[in-house]
Amino acid sequence: MTNNPYQQYQRTQAETASKGRLVVMLYQGALRFINKAVLENDEGNMEETHASAIRAQDIITELMTTLNMDAGSVSANLHKLYEYMLERLVQANVKKDSALFQEVADLLKELLPAWEEAVRVTERSTAENHATNLRIGELQLALR
């Protein structure tokens, strides 16, 4: 356990986030590590490049393993895309090729807004349902 307040905050965010919010956080984390890998690679820091690439690979693997494959073709297509991303990250790490890292970052950047919007819609709907339930509860109390 760490005493770093920022890390404690991040842990709490992850532990209390919705599934959709966790996916967004994973995408953001993968992008952060890929960007760091590119920066370190461009500066010739091979160990740091490797470490950041491995972290990004771990995140993509997590995205793959947590897909609900019973959800249909969207899940199957995402799984194929994540497999492709993982393969490209491995190649980028082995070859120390910033362009390959950037290719994966571009794919993640293209998908991220859709996940963010899905979370916004879901959270808005959940909040509206909660507010409706509160109003119904208040009305029931008023009728007693």
Protein backbone atom coordinates (compact mmCIF):
# COMPACT_ATOMS: atom_id res chain seq x y z
CA MET A 1 0.00 0.00 0.00
CA THR A 2 1.25 3.43 -0.90
CA ASN A 3 0.97 6.74 0.88
CA ASN A 4 0.98 8.68 -2.39
CA PRO A 5 -2.34 10.60 -2.41
CA TYR A 6 -2.52 10.66 -6.22
CA GLN A 7 -2.10 6.88 -6.43
CA GLN A 8 -4.70 6.41 -3.68
CA TYR A 9 -7.08 8.67 -5.62
CA GLN A 10 -6.47 6.68 -8.83
CA ARG A 11 -7.08 3.40 -7.01
CA THR A 12 -10.35 4.72 -5.57
CA GLN A 13 -11.43 5.95 -9.00
CA ALA A 14 -10.79 2.51 -10.52
CA GLU A 15 -12.49 0.66 -7.67
CA THR A 16 -15.65 2.76 -7.83
CA ALA A 17 -15.92 3.31 -11.60
CA SER A 18 -18.59 1.80 -13.82
CA LYS A 19 -17.55 -0.80 -16.39
CA GLY A 20 -17.75 1.78 -19.16
CA ARG A 21 -15.71 4.29 -17.18
CA LEU A 22 -13.08 1.57 -16.58
CA VAL A 23 -12.81 0.98 -20.33
CA VAL A 24 -12.26 4.71 -20.85
CA MET A 25 -9.60 4.70 -18.13
CA LEU A 26 -7.89 1.71 -19.77
CA TYR A 27 -7.86 3.45 -23.16
CA GLN A 28 -6.42 6.59 -21.55
CA GLY A 29 -3.78 4.54 -19.73
CA ALA A 30 -2.79 2.69 -22.91
CA LEU A 31 -2.43 5.99 -24.74
CA ARG A 32 -0.34 7.42 -21.91
CA PHE A 33 2.05 4.45 -21.97
CA ILE A 34 2.26 4.38 -25.77
CA ASN A 35 3.05 8.10 -25.84
CA LYS A 36 5.71 7.53 -23.19
CA ALA A 37 7.14 4.63 -25.21
CA VAL A 38 7.39 6.85 -28.29
CA LEU A 39 9.05 9.63 -26.30
CA GLU A 40 11.53 7.27 -24.64
CA ASN A 41 12.21 5.49 -27.94
CA ASP A 42 12.90 8.77 -29.71
CA GLU A 43 15.35 9.66 -26.93
CA GLY A 44 17.08 6.28 -27.19
CA ASN A 45 16.01 5.01 -23.76
CA MET A 46 15.47 1.37 -24.67
CA GLU A 47 14.69 0.09 -21.16
CA GLU A 48 12.07 2.77 -20.57
CA THR A 49 10.63 2.19 -24.04
CA HIS A 50 10.31 -1.50 -23.27
CA ALA A 51 8.74 -0.89 -19.85
CA SER A 52 6.13 1.49 -21.27
CA ALA A 53 5.39 -0.84 -24.19
CA ILE A 54 4.82 -3.75 -21.79
CA ARG A 55 2.40 -1.64 -19.73
CA ALA A 56 0.46 -0.73 -22.91
CA GLN A 57 0.44 -4.40 -23.95
CA ASP A 58 -0.90 -5.39 -20.54
CA ILE A 59 -3.74 -2.88 -20.88
CA ILE A 60 -4.69 -4.11 -24.35
CA THR A 61 -4.64 -7.67 -23.01
CA GLU A 62 -6.95 -6.59 -20.19
CA LEU A 63 -9.33 -5.04 -22.72
CA MET A 64 -9.32 -8.32 -24.67
CA THR A 65 -9.94 -10.56 -21.68
CA THR A 66 -12.76 -8.48 -20.22
CA LEU A 67 -14.85 -8.34 -23.40
CA ASN A 68 -18.29 -9.91 -23.10
CA MET A 69 -18.10 -12.27 -26.07
CA ASP A 70 -21.81 -13.07 -25.68
CA ALA A 71 -22.62 -9.50 -26.75
CA GLY A 72 -22.39 -10.32 -30.45
CA SER A 73 -20.43 -9.09 -33.42
CA VAL A 74 -19.28 -5.84 -31.82
CA SER A 75 -17.38 -7.78 -29.16
CA ALA A 76 -15.93 -10.15 -31.76
CA ASN A 77 -14.78 -7.22 -33.89
CA LEU A 78 -13.28 -5.41 -30.90
CA HIS A 79 -11.46 -8.59 -29.93
CA LYS A 80 -9.92 -8.83 -33.41
CA LEU A 81 -8.92 -5.18 -33.26
CA TYR A 82 -7.36 -5.59 -29.81
CA GLU A 83 -5.45 -8.64 -31.08
CA TYR A 84 -4.15 -6.54 -33.95
CA MET A 85 -3.16 -3.73 -31.57
CA LEU A 86 -1.36 -6.18 -29.31
CA GLU A 87 0.52 -7.67 -32.24
CA ARG A 88 1.56 -4.20 -33.44
CA LEU A 89 2.69 -3.21 -29.94
CA VAL A 90 4.84 -6.33 -29.70
CA GLN A 91 6.37 -5.55 -33.10
CA ALA A 92 6.90 -1.92 -32.12
CA ASN A 93 8.62 -3.00 -28.92
CA VAL A 94 10.87 -5.54 -30.64
CA LYS A 95 11.77 -3.24 -33.52
CA LYS A 96 11.72 -0.07 -31.39
CA ASP A 97 9.57 1.49 -34.11
CA SER A 98 7.78 4.68 -33.05
CA ALA A 99 5.56 4.58 -36.16
CA LEU A 100 4.11 1.23 -35.05
CA PHE A 101 3.46 2.60 -31.57
CA GLN A 102 1.76 5.60 -33.16
CA GLU A 103 -0.44 3.35 -35.32
CA VAL A 104 -1.89 1.76 -32.19
CA ALA A 105 -2.27 5.15 -30.51
CA ASP A 106 -4.21 6.40 -33.54
CA LEU A 107 -6.57 3.41 -33.35
CA LEU A 108 -7.19 3.99 -29.65
CA LYS A 109 -7.77 7.72 -30.25
CA GLU A 110 -10.33 6.86 -32.90
CA LEU A 111 -12.29 4.55 -30.58
CA LEU A 112 -11.99 6.54 -27.35
CA PRO A 113 -14.64 9.20 -28.13
CA ALA A 114 -17.25 6.50 -28.77
CA TRP A 115 -16.55 4.94 -25.36
CA GLU A 116 -16.63 8.35 -23.69
CA GLU A 117 -20.00 9.13 -25.28
CA ALA A 118 -21.39 5.73 -24.28
CA VAL A 119 -20.37 6.41 -20.68
CA ARG A 120 -21.92 9.90 -20.77
CA VAL A 121 -25.21 8.54 -22.12
CA THR A 122 -25.25 5.69 -19.60
CA GLU A 123 -24.41 7.95 -16.66
CA ARG A 124 -27.00 10.53 -17.74
CA SER A 125 -29.64 7.81 -18.05
CA THR A 126 -28.69 6.36 -14.67
CA ALA A 127 -28.84 9.79 -13.04
CA GLU A 128 -32.23 10.50 -14.62
CA ASN A 129 -33.58 7.14 -13.44
CA HIS A 130 -32.26 7.83 -9.95
CA ALA A 131 -33.90 11.28 -9.90
CA THR A 132 -37.18 9.78 -11.12
CA ASN A 133 -37.05 7.12 -8.42
CA LEU A 134 -36.42 9.81 -5.79
CA ARG A 135 -39.42 11.84 -7.04
CA ILE A 136 -41.62 8.74 -6.97
CA GLY A 137 -40.44 8.01 -3.44
CA GLU A 138 -41.22 11.57 -2.37
CA LEU A 139 -44.68 11.33 -3.92
CA GLN A 140 -45.33 8.05 -2.14
CA LEU A 141 -44.33 9.64 1.16
CA ALA A 142 -46.59 12.62 0.47
CA LEU A 143 -49.53 10.32 -0.18
CA ARG A 144 -49.17 8.53 3.15
